PDB file of all heavy atoms in Angstrom:
ATOM      1  N   ALA A   1      -2.203 140.918 -26.529  1.00  0.00           N
ATOM      2  CA  ALA A   1      -1.347 140.813 -25.336  1.00  0.00           C
ATOM      3  C   ALA A   1      -1.741 141.844 -24.299  1.00  0.00           C
ATOM      4  O   ALA A   1      -1.767 141.573 -23.102  1.00  0.00           O
ATOM      5  CB  ALA A   1       0.118 140.979 -25.736  1.00  0.00           C
ATOM      6  N   LEU A   2      -2.059 143.069 -24.747  1.00  0.00           N
ATOM      7  CA  LEU A   2      -2.462 144.120 -23.824  1.00  0.00           C
ATOM      8  C   LEU A   2      -3.783 143.769 -23.161  1.00  0.00           C
ATOM      9  O   LEU A   2      -3.964 143.942 -21.958  1.00  0.00           O
ATOM     10  CB  LEU A   2      -2.594 145.447 -24.580  1.00  0.00           C
ATOM     11  CG  LEU A   2      -2.962 146.683 -23.747  1.00  0.00           C
ATOM     12  CD1 LEU A   2      -1.849 146.966 -22.746  1.00  0.00           C
ATOM     13  CD2 LEU A   2      -3.176 147.895 -24.647  1.00  0.00           C
ATOM     14  N   HIS A   3      -4.713 143.213 -23.953  1.00  0.00           N
ATOM     15  CA  HIS A   3      -6.007 142.804 -23.387  1.00  0.00           C
ATOM     16  C   HIS A   3      -5.805 141.709 -22.347  1.00  0.00           C
ATOM     17  O   HIS A   3      -6.401 141.716 -21.286  1.00  0.00           O
ATOM     18  CB  HIS A   3      -6.917 142.311 -24.505  1.00  0.00           C
ATOM     19  CG  HIS A   3      -8.210 141.758 -24.017  1.00  0.00           C
ATOM     20  ND1 HIS A   3      -9.301 142.556 -23.733  1.00  0.00           N
ATOM     21  CD2 HIS A   3      -8.594 140.494 -23.739  1.00  0.00           C
ATOM     22  CE1 HIS A   3     -10.296 141.821 -23.320  1.00  0.00           C
ATOM     23  NE2 HIS A   3      -9.897 140.559 -23.310  1.00  0.00           N
ATOM     24  N   ALA A   4      -4.935 140.740 -22.638  1.00  0.00           N
ATOM     25  CA  ALA A   4      -4.701 139.642 -21.697  1.00  0.00           C
ATOM     26  C   ALA A   4      -4.067 140.136 -20.418  1.00  0.00           C
ATOM     27  O   ALA A   4      -4.303 139.605 -19.338  1.00  0.00           O
ATOM     28  CB  ALA A   4      -3.795 138.586 -22.356  1.00  0.00           C
ATOM     29  N   ALA A   5      -3.230 141.172 -20.518  1.00  0.00           N
ATOM     30  CA  ALA A   5      -2.541 141.670 -19.332  1.00  0.00           C
ATOM     31  C   ALA A   5      -3.441 142.521 -18.465  1.00  0.00           C
ATOM     32  O   ALA A   5      -3.364 142.472 -17.242  1.00  0.00           O
ATOM     33  CB  ALA A   5      -1.320 142.487 -19.759  1.00  0.00           C
ATOM     34  N   HIS A   6      -4.351 143.305 -19.100  1.00  0.00           N
ATOM     35  CA  HIS A   6      -5.130 144.281 -18.349  1.00  0.00           C
ATOM     36  C   HIS A   6      -6.604 143.957 -18.252  1.00  0.00           C
ATOM     37  O   HIS A   6      -7.338 144.624 -17.537  1.00  0.00           O
ATOM     38  CB  HIS A   6      -4.962 145.663 -18.985  1.00  0.00           C
ATOM     39  CG  HIS A   6      -3.562 146.160 -18.883  1.00  0.00           C
ATOM     40  ND1 HIS A   6      -3.060 146.724 -17.745  1.00  0.00           N
ATOM     41  CD2 HIS A   6      -2.545 146.161 -19.782  1.00  0.00           C
ATOM     42  CE1 HIS A   6      -1.792 147.072 -17.942  1.00  0.00           C
ATOM     43  NE2 HIS A   6      -1.455 146.730 -19.168  1.00  0.00           N
ATOM     44  N   GLY A   7      -7.057 142.942 -18.966  1.00  0.00           N
ATOM     45  CA  GLY A   7      -8.447 142.547 -18.853  1.00  0.00           C
ATOM     46  C   GLY A   7      -9.320 143.353 -19.788  1.00  0.00           C
ATOM     47  O   GLY A   7      -8.866 144.217 -20.520  1.00  0.00           O
ATOM     48  N   PRO A   8     -10.647 143.048 -19.788  1.00  0.00           N
ATOM     49  CA  PRO A   8     -11.561 143.714 -20.700  1.00  0.00           C
ATOM     50  C   PRO A   8     -11.789 145.153 -20.326  1.00  0.00           C
ATOM     51  O   PRO A   8     -11.573 145.576 -19.200  1.00  0.00           O
ATOM     52  CB  PRO A   8     -12.849 142.887 -20.529  1.00  0.00           C
ATOM     53  CG  PRO A   8     -12.736 142.320 -19.144  1.00  0.00           C
ATOM     54  CD  PRO A   8     -11.295 142.072 -18.924  1.00  0.00           C
ATOM     55  N   ALA A   9     -12.267 145.938 -21.296  1.00  0.00           N
ATOM     56  CA  ALA A   9     -12.574 147.332 -21.031  1.00  0.00           C
ATOM     57  C   ALA A   9     -13.651 147.423 -19.980  1.00  0.00           C
ATOM     58  O   ALA A   9     -14.580 146.642 -19.949  1.00  0.00           O
ATOM     59  CB  ALA A   9     -13.035 148.000 -22.337  1.00  0.00           C
ATOM     60  N   GLY A  10     -13.531 148.422 -19.107  1.00  0.00           N
ATOM     61  CA  GLY A  10     -14.532 148.614 -18.063  1.00  0.00           C
ATOM     62  C   GLY A  10     -14.163 147.949 -16.761  1.00  0.00           C
ATOM     63  O   GLY A  10     -14.811 148.154 -15.748  1.00  0.00           O
ATOM     64  N   GLY A  11     -13.140 147.111 -16.748  1.00  0.00           N
ATOM     65  CA  GLY A  11     -12.712 146.469 -15.516  1.00  0.00           C
ATOM     66  C   GLY A  11     -11.204 146.543 -15.422  1.00  0.00           C
ATOM     67  O   GLY A  11     -10.512 146.445 -16.423  1.00  0.00           O
ATOM     68  N   VAL A  12     -10.687 146.729 -14.228  1.00  0.00           N
ATOM     69  CA  VAL A  12      -9.243 146.845 -14.045  1.00  0.00           C
ATOM     70  C   VAL A  12      -8.742 145.580 -13.371  1.00  0.00           C
ATOM     71  O   VAL A  12      -9.095 145.300 -12.235  1.00  0.00           O
ATOM     72  CB  VAL A  12      -8.893 148.077 -13.197  1.00  0.00           C
ATOM     73  CG1 VAL A  12      -7.392 148.170 -13.006  1.00  0.00           C
ATOM     74  CG2 VAL A  12      -9.414 149.338 -13.862  1.00  0.00           C
ATOM     75  N   LEU A  13      -7.949 144.818 -14.077  1.00  0.00           N
ATOM     76  CA  LEU A  13      -7.363 143.605 -13.518  1.00  0.00           C
ATOM     77  C   LEU A  13      -5.895 143.889 -13.238  1.00  0.00           C
ATOM     78  O   LEU A  13      -5.140 144.217 -14.147  1.00  0.00           O
ATOM     79  CB  LEU A  13      -7.476 142.434 -14.504  1.00  0.00           C
ATOM     80  CG  LEU A  13      -8.901 142.048 -14.949  1.00  0.00           C
ATOM     81  CD1 LEU A  13      -8.830 140.816 -15.830  1.00  0.00           C
ATOM     82  CD2 LEU A  13      -9.776 141.781 -13.753  1.00  0.00           C
ATOM     83  N   ALA A  14      -5.490 143.771 -11.988  1.00  0.00           N
ATOM     84  CA  ALA A  14      -4.092 144.017 -11.639  1.00  0.00           C
ATOM     85  C   ALA A  14      -3.199 143.011 -12.339  1.00  0.00           C
ATOM     86  O   ALA A  14      -3.556 141.852 -12.483  1.00  0.00           O
ATOM     87  CB  ALA A  14      -3.913 143.934 -10.126  1.00  0.00           C
ATOM     88  N   GLN A  15      -2.016 143.446 -12.775  1.00  0.00           N
ATOM     89  CA  GLN A  15      -1.113 142.538 -13.468  1.00  0.00           C
ATOM     90  C   GLN A  15      -0.626 141.430 -12.550  1.00  0.00           C
ATOM     91  O   GLN A  15      -0.183 140.396 -13.020  1.00  0.00           O
ATOM     92  CB  GLN A  15       0.073 143.317 -14.029  1.00  0.00           C
ATOM     93  CG  GLN A  15      -0.322 144.277 -15.144  1.00  0.00           C
ATOM     94  CD  GLN A  15       0.870 144.960 -15.740  1.00  0.00           C
ATOM     95  OE1 GLN A  15       2.011 144.663 -15.397  1.00  0.00           O
ATOM     96  NE2 GLN A  15       0.638 145.890 -16.640  1.00  0.00           N
ATOM     97  N   THR A  16      -0.690 141.644 -11.252  1.00  0.00           N
ATOM     98  CA  THR A  16      -0.256 140.608 -10.312  1.00  0.00           C
ATOM     99  C   THR A  16      -1.349 139.597 -10.048  1.00  0.00           C
ATOM    100  O   THR A  16      -1.126 138.634  -9.336  1.00  0.00           O
ATOM    101  CB  THR A  16       0.152 141.246  -8.970  1.00  0.00           C
ATOM    102  OG1 THR A  16      -0.941 142.035  -8.477  1.00  0.00           O
ATOM    103  CG2 THR A  16       1.356 142.126  -9.139  1.00  0.00           C
ATOM    104  N   ARG A  17      -2.537 139.812 -10.606  1.00  0.00           N
ATOM    105  CA  ARG A  17      -3.634 138.890 -10.351  1.00  0.00           C
ATOM    106  C   ARG A  17      -3.353 137.539 -10.980  1.00  0.00           C
ATOM    107  O   ARG A  17      -2.923 137.450 -12.118  1.00  0.00           O
ATOM    108  CB  ARG A  17      -4.932 139.464 -10.924  1.00  0.00           C
ATOM    109  CG  ARG A  17      -6.128 138.550 -10.750  1.00  0.00           C
ATOM    110  CD  ARG A  17      -7.398 139.271 -11.136  1.00  0.00           C
ATOM    111  NE  ARG A  17      -7.629 140.373 -10.235  1.00  0.00           N
ATOM    112  CZ  ARG A  17      -8.445 141.374 -10.506  1.00  0.00           C
ATOM    113  NH1 ARG A  17      -9.075 141.413 -11.630  1.00  0.00           N
ATOM    114  NH2 ARG A  17      -8.620 142.350  -9.631  1.00  0.00           N
ATOM    115  N   PRO A  18      -3.602 136.425 -10.275  1.00  0.00           N
ATOM    116  CA  PRO A  18      -3.380 135.103 -10.839  1.00  0.00           C
ATOM    117  C   PRO A  18      -4.446 134.779 -11.867  1.00  0.00           C
ATOM    118  O   PRO A  18      -5.458 135.478 -11.961  1.00  0.00           O
ATOM    119  CB  PRO A  18      -3.505 134.183  -9.616  1.00  0.00           C
ATOM    120  CG  PRO A  18      -4.421 134.920  -8.702  1.00  0.00           C
ATOM    121  CD  PRO A  18      -4.095 136.378  -8.901  1.00  0.00           C
ATOM    122  N   PRO A  19      -4.247 133.723 -12.667  1.00  0.00           N
ATOM    123  CA  PRO A  19      -5.229 133.368 -13.688  1.00  0.00           C
ATOM    124  C   PRO A  19      -6.458 132.739 -13.063  1.00  0.00           C
ATOM    125  O   PRO A  19      -6.671 131.525 -13.119  1.00  0.00           O
ATOM    126  CB  PRO A  19      -4.464 132.368 -14.565  1.00  0.00           C
ATOM    127  CG  PRO A  19      -3.469 131.749 -13.651  1.00  0.00           C
ATOM    128  CD  PRO A  19      -3.070 132.843 -12.691  1.00  0.00           C
ATOM    129  N   LEU A  20      -7.308 133.550 -12.456  1.00  0.00           N
ATOM    130  CA  LEU A  20      -8.511 133.068 -11.805  1.00  0.00           C
ATOM    131  C   LEU A  20      -9.718 133.353 -12.680  1.00  0.00           C
ATOM    132  O   LEU A  20      -9.711 134.241 -13.509  1.00  0.00           O
ATOM    133  CB  LEU A  20      -8.689 133.756 -10.445  1.00  0.00           C
ATOM    134  CG  LEU A  20      -7.513 133.595  -9.488  1.00  0.00           C
ATOM    135  CD1 LEU A  20      -7.774 134.396  -8.228  1.00  0.00           C
ATOM    136  CD2 LEU A  20      -7.297 132.142  -9.145  1.00  0.00           C
ATOM    137  N   VAL A  21     -10.765 132.606 -12.450  1.00  0.00           N
ATOM    138  CA  VAL A  21     -11.969 132.735 -13.248  1.00  0.00           C
ATOM    139  C   VAL A  21     -13.161 132.873 -12.329  1.00  0.00           C
ATOM    140  O   VAL A  21     -13.231 132.223 -11.289  1.00  0.00           O
ATOM    141  CB  VAL A  21     -12.151 131.491 -14.156  1.00  0.00           C
ATOM    142  CG1 VAL A  21     -13.433 131.608 -14.977  1.00  0.00           C
ATOM    143  CG2 VAL A  21     -10.951 131.316 -15.077  1.00  0.00           C
ATOM    144  N   ALA A  22     -14.102 133.726 -12.691  1.00  0.00           N
ATOM    145  CA  ALA A  22     -15.345 133.834 -11.946  1.00  0.00           C
ATOM    146  C   ALA A  22     -16.336 132.844 -12.527  1.00  0.00           C
ATOM    147  O   ALA A  22     -16.570 132.813 -13.723  1.00  0.00           O
ATOM    148  CB  ALA A  22     -15.900 135.250 -12.032  1.00  0.00           C
ATOM    149  N   ALA A  23     -16.916 132.018 -11.661  1.00  0.00           N
ATOM    150  CA  ALA A  23     -17.888 131.031 -12.110  1.00  0.00           C
ATOM    151  C   ALA A  23     -19.248 131.695 -12.271  1.00  0.00           C
ATOM    152  O   ALA A  23     -19.831 132.157 -11.306  1.00  0.00           O
ATOM    153  CB  ALA A  23     -17.982 129.880 -11.101  1.00  0.00           C
ATOM    154  N   GLU A  24     -19.759 131.740 -13.484  1.00  0.00           N
ATOM    155  CA  GLU A  24     -21.040 132.390 -13.745  1.00  0.00           C
ATOM    156  C   GLU A  24     -22.186 131.383 -13.723  1.00  0.00           C
ATOM    157  O   GLU A  24     -23.273 131.648 -14.210  1.00  0.00           O
ATOM    158  CB  GLU A  24     -21.006 133.080 -15.118  1.00  0.00           C
ATOM    159  CG  GLU A  24     -19.947 134.158 -15.227  1.00  0.00           C
ATOM    160  CD  GLU A  24     -20.264 135.379 -14.391  1.00  0.00           C
ATOM    161  OE1 GLU A  24     -21.404 135.474 -13.898  1.00  0.00           O
ATOM    162  OE2 GLU A  24     -19.383 136.229 -14.240  1.00  0.00           O
ATOM    163  N   THR A  25     -21.948 130.201 -13.160  1.00  0.00           N
ATOM    164  CA  THR A  25     -22.969 129.169 -13.156  1.00  0.00           C
ATOM    165  C   THR A  25     -24.149 129.568 -12.292  1.00  0.00           C
ATOM    166  O   THR A  25     -23.994 130.191 -11.248  1.00  0.00           O
ATOM    167  CB  THR A  25     -22.386 127.847 -12.608  1.00  0.00           C
ATOM    168  OG1 THR A  25     -21.735 128.109 -11.367  1.00  0.00           O
ATOM    169  CG2 THR A  25     -21.377 127.260 -13.569  1.00  0.00           C
ATOM    170  N   ARG A  26     -25.348 129.157 -12.714  1.00  0.00           N
ATOM    171  CA  ARG A  26     -26.554 129.477 -11.955  1.00  0.00           C
ATOM    172  C   ARG A  26     -26.611 128.661 -10.672  1.00  0.00           C
ATOM    173  O   ARG A  26     -27.051 129.142  -9.640  1.00  0.00           O
ATOM    174  CB  ARG A  26     -27.792 129.214 -12.814  1.00  0.00           C
ATOM    175  CG  ARG A  26     -29.100 129.469 -12.082  1.00  0.00           C
ATOM    176  CD  ARG A  26     -30.273 129.291 -13.024  1.00  0.00           C
ATOM    177  NE  ARG A  26     -31.533 129.386 -12.306  1.00  0.00           N
ATOM    178  CZ  ARG A  26     -32.135 130.514 -11.976  1.00  0.00           C
ATOM    179  NH1 ARG A  26     -31.587 131.657 -12.295  1.00  0.00           N
ATOM    180  NH2 ARG A  26     -33.285 130.516 -11.332  1.00  0.00           N
ATOM    181  N   HIS A  27     -26.178 127.410 -10.742  1.00  0.00           N
ATOM    182  CA  HIS A  27     -26.241 126.531  -9.571  1.00  0.00           C
ATOM    183  C   HIS A  27     -24.844 126.040  -9.227  1.00  0.00           C
ATOM    184  O   HIS A  27     -24.122 125.551 -10.084  1.00  0.00           O
ATOM    185  CB  HIS A  27     -27.170 125.339  -9.839  1.00  0.00           C
ATOM    186  CG  HIS A  27     -28.584 125.747 -10.074  1.00  0.00           C
ATOM    187  ND1 HIS A  27     -29.403 126.147  -9.064  1.00  0.00           N
ATOM    188  CD2 HIS A  27     -29.297 125.854 -11.212  1.00  0.00           C
ATOM    189  CE1 HIS A  27     -30.590 126.471  -9.562  1.00  0.00           C
ATOM    190  NE2 HIS A  27     -30.552 126.300 -10.861  1.00  0.00           N
ATOM    191  N   ALA A  28     -24.496 126.170  -7.960  1.00  0.00           N
ATOM    192  CA  ALA A  28     -23.178 125.726  -7.538  1.00  0.00           C
ATOM    193  C   ALA A  28     -23.060 124.223  -7.691  1.00  0.00           C
ATOM    194  O   ALA A  28     -24.002 123.492  -7.434  1.00  0.00           O
ATOM    195  CB  ALA A  28     -22.944 126.134  -6.086  1.00  0.00           C
ATOM    196  N   GLY A  29     -21.897 123.767  -8.066  1.00  0.00           N
ATOM    197  CA  GLY A  29     -21.675 122.344  -8.235  1.00  0.00           C
ATOM    198  C   GLY A  29     -20.366 121.936  -7.600  1.00  0.00           C
ATOM    199  O   GLY A  29     -19.629 122.759  -7.076  1.00  0.00           O
ATOM    200  N   PRO A  30     -20.063 120.634  -7.651  1.00  0.00           N
ATOM    201  CA  PRO A  30     -18.796 120.172  -7.099  1.00  0.00           C
ATOM    202  C   PRO A  30     -17.647 120.659  -7.946  1.00  0.00           C
ATOM    203  O   PRO A  30     -17.700 120.588  -9.170  1.00  0.00           O
ATOM    204  CB  PRO A  30     -18.921 118.635  -7.150  1.00  0.00           C
ATOM    205  CG  PRO A  30     -19.917 118.395  -8.245  1.00  0.00           C
ATOM    206  CD  PRO A  30     -20.865 119.555  -8.211  1.00  0.00           C
ATOM    207  N   PRO A  31     -16.591 121.225  -7.348  1.00  0.00           N
ATOM    208  CA  PRO A  31     -15.477 121.754  -8.132  1.00  0.00           C
ATOM    209  C   PRO A  31     -14.599 120.656  -8.688  1.00  0.00           C
ATOM    210  O   PRO A  31     -14.583 119.539  -8.198  1.00  0.00           O
ATOM    211  CB  PRO A  31     -14.710 122.589  -7.103  1.00  0.00           C
ATOM    212  CG  PRO A  31     -15.002 121.915  -5.818  1.00  0.00           C
ATOM    213  CD  PRO A  31     -16.413 121.398  -5.921  1.00  0.00           C
ATOM    214  N   HIS A  32     -13.849 121.014  -9.735  1.00  0.00           N
ATOM    215  CA  HIS A  32     -12.826 120.103 -10.232  1.00  0.00           C
ATOM    216  C   HIS A  32     -11.712 120.027  -9.189  1.00  0.00           C
ATOM    217  O   HIS A  32     -11.225 121.029  -8.714  1.00  0.00           O
ATOM    218  CB  HIS A  32     -12.258 120.617 -11.548  1.00  0.00           C
ATOM    219  CG  HIS A  32     -11.101 119.831 -12.038  1.00  0.00           C
ATOM    220  ND1 HIS A  32     -11.228 118.564 -12.541  1.00  0.00           N
ATOM    221  CD2 HIS A  32      -9.778 120.132 -12.082  1.00  0.00           C
ATOM    222  CE1 HIS A  32     -10.037 118.114 -12.881  1.00  0.00           C
ATOM    223  NE2 HIS A  32      -9.141 119.045 -12.622  1.00  0.00           N
ATOM    224  N   ARG A  33     -11.338 118.832  -8.810  1.00  0.00           N
ATOM    225  CA  ARG A  33     -10.331 118.695  -7.774  1.00  0.00           C
ATOM    226  C   ARG A  33      -9.449 117.494  -8.062  1.00  0.00           C
ATOM    227  O   ARG A  33      -9.816 116.585  -8.789  1.00  0.00           O
ATOM    228  CB  ARG A  33     -10.977 118.533  -6.393  1.00  0.00           C
ATOM    229  CG  ARG A  33     -11.960 117.379  -6.304  1.00  0.00           C
ATOM    230  CD  ARG A  33     -12.281 117.011  -4.860  1.00  0.00           C
ATOM    231  NE  ARG A  33     -13.141 117.977  -4.256  1.00  0.00           N
ATOM    232  CZ  ARG A  33     -12.867 118.581  -3.097  1.00  0.00           C
ATOM    233  NH1 ARG A  33     -11.751 118.322  -2.467  1.00  0.00           N
ATOM    234  NH2 ARG A  33     -13.698 119.432  -2.565  1.00  0.00           N
TER     235      ARG A  33
END
């Protein structure tokens, strides 16, 4: 629960941050919509 609230070690994720994801894809594609 603590990891989910604060994110991985080495990075600070604010508790107010929404459930967003960084796309690590090599090539941009059409988003899910």
